[in-house]
Amino acid sequence: MSEQLLNSHGFLQLNLGKMRVLVPQHEVQSLESTLDISVEKNDMNSIGNIINNGVTQNVFNFDDKLNVIQSMSDSRRICVCLQNDDVAYGVTCDAVNNIDLQEVKLVELPECMKNKYCPVLYLGIYKNRVINVVNTSTLNNVISQTDNLN
C-alpha cells in the first residue's frame, strides 16, 4: 500500500455522475461553489479558472469514465480544489462525502487494469461498493494526456 494513502486520515468521495472516486483528504485544499468558476477558454482542456487561497487554478470536468470533458452539466455544484507537491487544480463534482480511512478496504489493482493511462491506484471497498481510488497526480496524468491529444 502507498505510504501516502496510509498516512491520510481518510478520503473525500467525489461523485462524478455515475462514477465515484476517492481522493486522499490531505490533498483536498478547499471546496468551492462552481458558481465561482470564471469560464475562460485557454490552451488546456479546463472549463475555466477558480481562485483558491489567492492563487488562480485551472478547473477540470471529468465524465463518469474519468475522461476530461469541456462541458459541465447542471448537476455539478462543487469544485474540489486539489493540491500535492507538484500540481494544483480544481475538479467539478455533483457531491462529496468524507470517508474515514478505517471504513475503506484498499485492494491492489488487478493486473489487467494496470497501465500508464489508468488513473486508478487502488480499488476501495466501502459499504459493499467498489470505488476507484485516485490522487491528484494520477488525475493530472489524465489531464496531461488529454492536452497532448488536442
N, C-alpha and C. Protein backbone atom coordinates (compact mmCIF):
# COMPACT_ATOMS: atom_id res chain seq x y z
N MET A 1 0.84 -1.18 0.00
CA MET A 1 0.00 0.00 0.00
C MET A 1 0.88 1.24 0.00
N SER A 2 0.40 2.26 -0.64
CA SER A 2 1.12 3.52 -0.70
C SER A 2 1.22 4.14 0.70
N GLU A 3 2.42 4.53 1.06
CA GLU A 3 2.65 5.16 2.36
C GLU A 3 1.82 6.43 2.50
N GLN A 4 1.72 7.20 1.41
CA GLN A 4 0.93 8.44 1.46
C GLN A 4 -0.54 8.17 1.75
N LEU A 5 -1.10 7.15 1.13
CA LEU A 5 -2.50 6.83 1.37
C LEU A 5 -2.72 6.37 2.80
N LEU A 6 -1.79 5.57 3.30
CA LEU A 6 -1.93 5.07 4.67
C LEU A 6 -1.76 6.18 5.70
N ASN A 7 -1.02 7.23 5.35
CA ASN A 7 -0.83 8.36 6.26
C ASN A 7 -1.99 9.35 6.22
N SER A 8 -2.86 9.19 5.25
CA SER A 8 -4.02 10.07 5.14
C SER A 8 -5.03 9.70 6.23
N HIS A 9 -5.77 10.68 6.71
CA HIS A 9 -6.79 10.42 7.72
C HIS A 9 -8.04 9.80 7.10
N GLY A 10 -8.16 9.96 5.81
CA GLY A 10 -9.34 9.43 5.15
C GLY A 10 -9.39 9.90 3.71
N PHE A 11 -10.57 9.81 3.16
CA PHE A 11 -10.78 10.14 1.77
C PHE A 11 -11.95 11.11 1.63
N LEU A 12 -11.95 11.80 0.52
CA LEU A 12 -13.12 12.54 0.10
C LEU A 12 -13.66 11.81 -1.12
N GLN A 13 -14.92 11.40 -1.04
CA GLN A 13 -15.56 10.75 -2.18
C GLN A 13 -16.12 11.83 -3.09
N LEU A 14 -15.73 11.80 -4.34
CA LEU A 14 -16.26 12.72 -5.35
C LEU A 14 -17.24 11.95 -6.22
N ASN A 15 -18.43 12.49 -6.37
CA ASN A 15 -19.43 11.90 -7.26
C ASN A 15 -19.33 12.61 -8.60
N LEU A 16 -18.92 11.84 -9.62
CA LEU A 16 -18.77 12.36 -10.98
C LEU A 16 -19.80 11.67 -11.86
N GLY A 17 -21.03 12.14 -11.81
CA GLY A 17 -22.10 11.42 -12.49
C GLY A 17 -22.30 10.09 -11.80
N LYS A 18 -22.21 9.00 -12.58
CA LYS A 18 -22.38 7.65 -12.01
C LYS A 18 -21.09 7.14 -11.37
N MET A 19 -19.97 7.77 -11.66
CA MET A 19 -18.67 7.34 -11.13
C MET A 19 -18.42 7.95 -9.75
N ARG A 20 -17.89 7.12 -8.86
CA ARG A 20 -17.46 7.59 -7.53
C ARG A 20 -15.96 7.34 -7.44
N VAL A 21 -15.23 8.37 -7.02
CA VAL A 21 -13.79 8.20 -6.80
C VAL A 21 -13.44 8.70 -5.42
N LEU A 22 -12.40 8.12 -4.85
CA LEU A 22 -11.88 8.54 -3.56
C LEU A 22 -10.53 9.23 -3.78
N VAL A 23 -10.38 10.41 -3.18
CA VAL A 23 -9.09 11.10 -3.19
C VAL A 23 -8.64 11.28 -1.74
N PRO A 24 -7.34 11.21 -1.48
CA PRO A 24 -6.87 11.38 -0.11
C PRO A 24 -7.24 12.77 0.43
N GLN A 25 -7.75 12.81 1.65
CA GLN A 25 -8.18 14.09 2.23
C GLN A 25 -7.05 15.10 2.33
N HIS A 26 -5.82 14.64 2.56
CA HIS A 26 -4.73 15.59 2.71
C HIS A 26 -4.39 16.33 1.41
N GLU A 27 -4.92 15.87 0.27
CA GLU A 27 -4.71 16.56 -0.99
C GLU A 27 -5.83 17.56 -1.31
N VAL A 28 -6.88 17.57 -0.51
CA VAL A 28 -8.00 18.49 -0.72
C VAL A 28 -7.70 19.80 0.00
N GLN A 29 -7.63 20.87 -0.78
CA GLN A 29 -7.35 22.19 -0.22
C GLN A 29 -8.61 22.93 0.20
N SER A 30 -9.65 22.82 -0.62
CA SER A 30 -10.90 23.50 -0.29
C SER A 30 -12.02 22.99 -1.17
N LEU A 31 -13.24 23.30 -0.75
CA LEU A 31 -14.44 23.04 -1.55
C LEU A 31 -15.03 24.39 -1.90
N GLU A 32 -15.30 24.60 -3.16
CA GLU A 32 -15.83 25.88 -3.64
C GLU A 32 -17.09 25.63 -4.45
N SER A 33 -17.85 26.66 -4.64
CA SER A 33 -19.03 26.57 -5.48
C SER A 33 -18.62 26.68 -6.95
N THR A 34 -19.28 25.91 -7.81
CA THR A 34 -18.99 26.04 -9.24
C THR A 34 -19.42 27.41 -9.76
N LEU A 35 -20.25 28.12 -9.01
CA LEU A 35 -20.63 29.48 -9.40
C LEU A 35 -19.44 30.43 -9.36
N ASP A 36 -18.38 30.05 -8.62
CA ASP A 36 -17.18 30.88 -8.51
C ASP A 36 -16.18 30.63 -9.62
N ILE A 37 -16.49 29.70 -10.53
CA ILE A 37 -15.58 29.42 -11.64
C ILE A 37 -15.76 30.50 -12.70
N SER A 38 -14.64 31.12 -13.10
CA SER A 38 -14.70 32.05 -14.22
C SER A 38 -14.45 31.24 -15.49
N VAL A 39 -15.44 31.25 -16.35
CA VAL A 39 -15.38 30.43 -17.56
C VAL A 39 -14.55 31.18 -18.60
N GLU A 40 -13.35 30.63 -18.85
CA GLU A 40 -12.44 31.22 -19.82
C GLU A 40 -11.83 30.10 -20.64
N LYS A 41 -11.71 30.31 -21.92
CA LYS A 41 -11.03 29.33 -22.77
C LYS A 41 -9.53 29.57 -22.67
N ASN A 42 -8.79 28.48 -22.60
CA ASN A 42 -7.34 28.59 -22.57
C ASN A 42 -6.75 27.42 -23.35
N ASP A 43 -5.44 27.30 -23.33
CA ASP A 43 -4.77 26.25 -24.09
C ASP A 43 -5.04 24.86 -23.54
N MET A 44 -5.34 24.79 -22.27
CA MET A 44 -5.60 23.49 -21.66
C MET A 44 -7.07 23.12 -21.84
N ASN A 45 -7.43 21.94 -21.45
CA ASN A 45 -8.80 21.47 -21.57
C ASN A 45 -9.64 21.80 -20.35
N SER A 46 -9.29 22.87 -19.67
CA SER A 46 -10.06 23.26 -18.49
C SER A 46 -11.35 23.93 -18.91
N ILE A 47 -12.30 23.94 -17.99
CA ILE A 47 -13.56 24.63 -18.27
C ILE A 47 -13.51 26.07 -17.77
N GLY A 48 -12.44 26.43 -17.07
CA GLY A 48 -12.28 27.78 -16.55
C GLY A 48 -11.28 27.80 -15.41
N ASN A 49 -11.36 28.85 -14.62
CA ASN A 49 -10.44 29.04 -13.50
C ASN A 49 -11.20 29.36 -12.23
N ILE A 50 -10.54 29.08 -11.11
CA ILE A 50 -11.08 29.44 -9.81
C ILE A 50 -9.93 29.99 -8.97
N ILE A 51 -10.22 30.93 -8.11
CA ILE A 51 -9.20 31.46 -7.21
C ILE A 51 -9.31 30.73 -5.88
N ASN A 52 -8.21 30.05 -5.51
CA ASN A 52 -8.15 29.29 -4.27
C ASN A 52 -6.97 29.82 -3.45
N ASN A 53 -7.26 30.38 -2.28
CA ASN A 53 -6.21 30.95 -1.42
C ASN A 53 -5.36 31.97 -2.17
N GLY A 54 -6.00 32.78 -3.00
CA GLY A 54 -5.31 33.84 -3.73
C GLY A 54 -4.58 33.39 -4.97
N VAL A 55 -4.67 32.12 -5.31
CA VAL A 55 -3.98 31.58 -6.48
C VAL A 55 -5.02 31.11 -7.50
N THR A 56 -4.82 31.51 -8.75
CA THR A 56 -5.72 31.07 -9.82
C THR A 56 -5.35 29.65 -10.24
N GLN A 57 -6.37 28.79 -10.26
CA GLN A 57 -6.17 27.39 -10.64
C GLN A 57 -7.11 27.03 -11.78
N ASN A 58 -6.63 26.19 -12.69
CA ASN A 58 -7.50 25.64 -13.73
C ASN A 58 -8.50 24.69 -13.10
N VAL A 59 -9.68 24.60 -13.69
CA VAL A 59 -10.73 23.69 -13.23
C VAL A 59 -11.07 22.74 -14.37
N PHE A 60 -11.17 21.45 -14.01
CA PHE A 60 -11.44 20.42 -15.00
C PHE A 60 -12.71 19.67 -14.64
N ASN A 61 -13.32 19.12 -15.68
CA ASN A 61 -14.54 18.36 -15.53
C ASN A 61 -14.29 16.96 -16.09
N PHE A 62 -14.57 15.94 -15.30
CA PHE A 62 -14.40 14.56 -15.72
C PHE A 62 -15.78 13.93 -15.90
N ASP A 63 -15.89 13.07 -16.92
CA ASP A 63 -17.14 12.33 -17.08
C ASP A 63 -17.09 11.08 -16.20
N ASP A 64 -18.09 10.22 -16.32
CA ASP A 64 -18.15 9.06 -15.45
C ASP A 64 -17.25 7.91 -15.90
N LYS A 65 -16.37 8.18 -16.87
CA LYS A 65 -15.34 7.22 -17.27
C LYS A 65 -13.95 7.81 -17.02
N LEU A 66 -13.92 8.91 -16.28
CA LEU A 66 -12.69 9.63 -15.94
C LEU A 66 -11.98 10.21 -17.16
N ASN A 67 -12.77 10.63 -18.16
CA ASN A 67 -12.24 11.38 -19.29
C ASN A 67 -12.49 12.85 -19.04
N VAL A 68 -11.54 13.70 -19.44
CA VAL A 68 -11.71 15.14 -19.32
C VAL A 68 -12.68 15.60 -20.40
N ILE A 69 -13.70 16.36 -19.99
CA ILE A 69 -14.64 16.92 -20.95
C ILE A 69 -14.72 18.42 -20.73
N GLN A 70 -15.05 19.15 -21.78
CA GLN A 70 -15.04 20.60 -21.70
C GLN A 70 -16.41 21.23 -21.52
N SER A 71 -17.35 20.44 -21.13
CA SER A 71 -18.66 20.99 -20.79
C SER A 71 -19.00 20.54 -19.38
N MET A 72 -19.90 21.27 -18.75
CA MET A 72 -20.25 20.94 -17.37
C MET A 72 -21.76 20.82 -17.26
N SER A 73 -22.21 19.72 -16.68
CA SER A 73 -23.65 19.52 -16.52
C SER A 73 -24.16 20.40 -15.37
N ASP A 74 -25.46 20.63 -15.36
CA ASP A 74 -26.07 21.44 -14.31
C ASP A 74 -25.96 20.81 -12.94
N SER A 75 -25.72 19.50 -12.89
CA SER A 75 -25.64 18.80 -11.60
C SER A 75 -24.32 19.07 -10.88
N ARG A 76 -23.34 19.60 -11.58
CA ARG A 76 -22.05 19.87 -10.96
C ARG A 76 -22.14 21.17 -10.16
N ARG A 77 -22.16 21.01 -8.84
CA ARG A 77 -22.34 22.16 -7.94
C ARG A 77 -21.10 22.49 -7.12
N ILE A 78 -20.14 21.54 -7.08
CA ILE A 78 -18.99 21.69 -6.19
C ILE A 78 -17.70 21.64 -7.01
N CYS A 79 -16.76 22.50 -6.65
CA CYS A 79 -15.42 22.45 -7.21
C CYS A 79 -14.48 22.05 -6.07
N VAL A 80 -13.85 20.91 -6.19
CA VAL A 80 -12.89 20.44 -5.20
C VAL A 80 -11.51 20.87 -5.65
N CYS A 81 -10.86 21.72 -4.84
CA CYS A 81 -9.51 22.18 -5.16
C CYS A 81 -8.51 21.19 -4.58
N LEU A 82 -7.73 20.58 -5.47
CA LEU A 82 -6.77 19.55 -5.09
C LEU A 82 -5.35 20.10 -5.24
N GLN A 83 -4.46 19.61 -4.38
CA GLN A 83 -3.07 20.03 -4.48
C GLN A 83 -2.16 18.98 -3.87
N ASN A 84 -1.03 18.74 -4.54
CA ASN A 84 0.05 17.95 -3.95
C ASN A 84 1.34 18.74 -4.16
N ASP A 85 2.47 18.11 -4.02
CA ASP A 85 3.74 18.84 -4.16
C ASP A 85 3.98 19.38 -5.56
N ASP A 86 3.37 18.77 -6.56
CA ASP A 86 3.68 19.10 -7.95
C ASP A 86 2.65 19.96 -8.67
N VAL A 87 1.39 19.84 -8.29
CA VAL A 87 0.34 20.46 -9.10
C VAL A 87 -0.86 20.82 -8.24
N ALA A 88 -1.63 21.81 -8.72
CA ALA A 88 -2.88 22.21 -8.05
C ALA A 88 -3.90 22.55 -9.14
N TYR A 89 -5.13 22.10 -8.94
CA TYR A 89 -6.21 22.38 -9.88
C TYR A 89 -7.54 22.05 -9.21
N GLY A 90 -8.62 22.41 -9.87
CA GLY A 90 -9.96 22.11 -9.36
C GLY A 90 -10.63 21.04 -10.20
N VAL A 91 -11.53 20.28 -9.56
CA VAL A 91 -12.33 19.26 -10.23
C VAL A 91 -13.79 19.49 -9.85
N THR A 92 -14.67 19.55 -10.84
CA THR A 92 -16.08 19.71 -10.54
C THR A 92 -16.70 18.36 -10.20
N CYS A 93 -17.69 18.37 -9.33
CA CYS A 93 -18.38 17.13 -8.99
C CYS A 93 -19.80 17.45 -8.54
N ASP A 94 -20.62 16.40 -8.51
CA ASP A 94 -22.02 16.55 -8.12
C ASP A 94 -22.18 16.65 -6.62
N ALA A 95 -21.40 15.85 -5.90
CA ALA A 95 -21.49 15.81 -4.43
C ALA A 95 -20.18 15.25 -3.89
N VAL A 96 -19.97 15.48 -2.59
CA VAL A 96 -18.79 14.94 -1.91
C VAL A 96 -19.22 14.32 -0.59
N ASN A 97 -18.36 13.44 -0.08
CA ASN A 97 -18.65 12.78 1.19
C ASN A 97 -17.32 12.44 1.84
N ASN A 98 -17.14 12.81 3.12
CA ASN A 98 -15.95 12.43 3.87
C ASN A 98 -16.06 10.98 4.29
N ILE A 99 -14.97 10.23 4.10
CA ILE A 99 -14.96 8.82 4.46
C ILE A 99 -13.69 8.55 5.27
N ASP A 100 -13.86 7.98 6.45
CA ASP A 100 -12.73 7.64 7.31
C ASP A 100 -11.93 6.51 6.69
N LEU A 101 -10.62 6.59 6.82
CA LEU A 101 -9.73 5.58 6.25
C LEU A 101 -10.08 4.18 6.74
N GLN A 102 -10.50 4.06 8.00
CA GLN A 102 -10.81 2.75 8.57
C GLN A 102 -12.05 2.12 7.96
N GLU A 103 -12.89 2.91 7.29
CA GLU A 103 -14.11 2.39 6.67
C GLU A 103 -13.87 1.82 5.28
N VAL A 104 -12.67 2.01 4.74
CA VAL A 104 -12.37 1.59 3.38
C VAL A 104 -11.33 0.48 3.39
N LYS A 105 -11.63 -0.60 2.69
CA LYS A 105 -10.64 -1.65 2.50
C LYS A 105 -9.99 -1.42 1.14
N LEU A 106 -8.68 -1.17 1.14
CA LEU A 106 -7.97 -0.93 -0.11
C LEU A 106 -7.49 -2.26 -0.68
N VAL A 107 -7.74 -2.44 -1.98
CA VAL A 107 -7.38 -3.66 -2.68
C VAL A 107 -6.47 -3.28 -3.85
N GLU A 108 -5.40 -4.05 -4.03
CA GLU A 108 -4.50 -3.82 -5.16
C GLU A 108 -5.28 -3.88 -6.47
N LEU A 109 -4.88 -3.07 -7.41
CA LEU A 109 -5.50 -3.06 -8.73
C LEU A 109 -5.16 -4.36 -9.47
N PRO A 110 -6.13 -5.01 -10.09
CA PRO A 110 -5.84 -6.22 -10.86
C PRO A 110 -4.86 -5.89 -12.01
N GLU A 111 -4.03 -6.84 -12.35
CA GLU A 111 -3.02 -6.64 -13.41
C GLU A 111 -3.65 -6.15 -14.72
N CYS A 112 -4.84 -6.63 -15.04
CA CYS A 112 -5.47 -6.25 -16.30
C CYS A 112 -5.86 -4.77 -16.35
N MET A 113 -5.91 -4.11 -15.19
CA MET A 113 -6.27 -2.69 -15.14
C MET A 113 -5.04 -1.79 -15.06
N LYS A 114 -3.89 -2.34 -14.79
CA LYS A 114 -2.68 -1.54 -14.61
C LYS A 114 -2.09 -1.15 -15.95
N ASN A 115 -2.04 0.14 -16.21
CA ASN A 115 -1.32 0.67 -17.36
C ASN A 115 -1.07 2.15 -17.12
N LYS A 116 -0.22 2.74 -17.92
CA LYS A 116 0.18 4.12 -17.68
C LYS A 116 -0.95 5.12 -17.91
N TYR A 117 -2.03 4.70 -18.54
CA TYR A 117 -3.15 5.60 -18.81
C TYR A 117 -4.26 5.51 -17.76
N CYS A 118 -4.17 4.54 -16.88
CA CYS A 118 -5.22 4.34 -15.87
C CYS A 118 -4.91 5.18 -14.63
N PRO A 119 -5.80 6.10 -14.26
CA PRO A 119 -5.55 6.94 -13.08
C PRO A 119 -5.85 6.26 -11.76
N VAL A 120 -6.39 5.05 -11.80
CA VAL A 120 -6.81 4.37 -10.58
C VAL A 120 -5.59 3.72 -9.91
N LEU A 121 -5.40 4.02 -8.62
CA LEU A 121 -4.29 3.45 -7.85
C LEU A 121 -4.69 2.15 -7.15
N TYR A 122 -5.88 2.16 -6.57
CA TYR A 122 -6.40 1.03 -5.82
C TYR A 122 -7.90 0.97 -6.04
N LEU A 123 -8.47 -0.15 -5.68
CA LEU A 123 -9.91 -0.26 -5.57
C LEU A 123 -10.23 -0.17 -4.09
N GLY A 124 -11.21 0.63 -3.75
CA GLY A 124 -11.64 0.76 -2.36
C GLY A 124 -12.98 0.09 -2.18
N ILE A 125 -13.08 -0.76 -1.17
CA ILE A 125 -14.37 -1.38 -0.85
C ILE A 125 -14.97 -0.57 0.29
N TYR A 126 -16.13 0.02 0.03
CA TYR A 126 -16.79 0.87 1.01
C TYR A 126 -18.28 0.59 0.96
N LYS A 127 -18.84 0.14 2.07
CA LYS A 127 -20.26 -0.19 2.15
C LYS A 127 -20.70 -1.10 1.00
N ASN A 128 -19.93 -2.16 0.80
CA ASN A 128 -20.21 -3.17 -0.23
C ASN A 128 -20.20 -2.62 -1.65
N ARG A 129 -19.54 -1.49 -1.85
CA ARG A 129 -19.38 -0.92 -3.20
C ARG A 129 -17.91 -0.84 -3.51
N VAL A 130 -17.57 -0.98 -4.77
CA VAL A 130 -16.19 -0.79 -5.22
C VAL A 130 -16.07 0.62 -5.75
N ILE A 131 -15.11 1.34 -5.21
CA ILE A 131 -14.89 2.74 -5.60
C ILE A 131 -13.43 2.88 -6.01
N ASN A 132 -13.18 3.57 -7.11
CA ASN A 132 -11.82 3.79 -7.59
C ASN A 132 -11.10 4.79 -6.69
N VAL A 133 -9.86 4.47 -6.33
CA VAL A 133 -9.03 5.36 -5.54
C VAL A 133 -8.02 6.01 -6.48
N VAL A 134 -8.04 7.33 -6.52
CA VAL A 134 -7.14 8.12 -7.37
C VAL A 134 -6.42 9.13 -6.48
N ASN A 135 -5.53 9.90 -7.08
CA ASN A 135 -4.97 11.04 -6.35
C ASN A 135 -4.73 12.19 -7.32
N THR A 136 -4.24 13.28 -6.81
CA THR A 136 -4.04 14.48 -7.61
C THR A 136 -3.11 14.21 -8.79
N SER A 137 -2.04 13.46 -8.56
CA SER A 137 -1.07 13.18 -9.63
C SER A 137 -1.66 12.31 -10.73
N THR A 138 -2.40 11.28 -10.36
CA THR A 138 -2.93 10.38 -11.40
C THR A 138 -4.02 11.06 -12.22
N LEU A 139 -4.83 11.90 -11.59
CA LEU A 139 -5.83 12.66 -12.36
C LEU A 139 -5.12 13.67 -13.26
N ASN A 140 -4.03 14.26 -12.76
CA ASN A 140 -3.28 15.21 -13.58
C ASN A 140 -2.68 14.51 -14.80
N ASN A 141 -2.30 13.24 -14.66
CA ASN A 141 -1.81 12.49 -15.82
C ASN A 141 -2.88 12.39 -16.89
N VAL A 142 -4.12 12.18 -16.50
CA VAL A 142 -5.23 12.14 -17.46
C VAL A 142 -5.38 13.50 -18.14
N ILE A 143 -5.30 14.56 -17.36
CA ILE A 143 -5.40 15.92 -17.91
C ILE A 143 -4.28 16.16 -18.92
N SER A 144 -3.05 15.79 -18.57
CA SER A 144 -1.90 15.98 -19.45
C SER A 144 -2.04 15.18 -20.74
N GLN A 145 -2.51 13.94 -20.62
CA GLN A 145 -2.70 13.10 -21.81
C GLN A 145 -3.76 13.71 -22.73
N THR A 146 -4.80 14.27 -22.15
CA THR A 146 -5.86 14.91 -22.95
C THR A 146 -5.32 16.12 -23.67
N ASP A 147 -4.48 16.91 -22.97
CA ASP A 147 -3.87 18.10 -23.60
C ASP A 147 -3.00 17.69 -24.77
N ASN A 148 -2.27 16.58 -24.64
CA ASN A 148 -1.38 16.13 -25.70
C ASN A 148 -2.14 15.62 -26.91
N LEU A 149 -3.38 15.18 -26.73
CA LEU A 149 -4.18 14.69 -27.83
C LEU A 149 -4.75 15.81 -28.67
N ASN A 150 -4.89 16.98 -28.08
CA ASN A 150 -5.52 18.11 -28.80
C ASN A 150 -4.52 19.03 -29.43
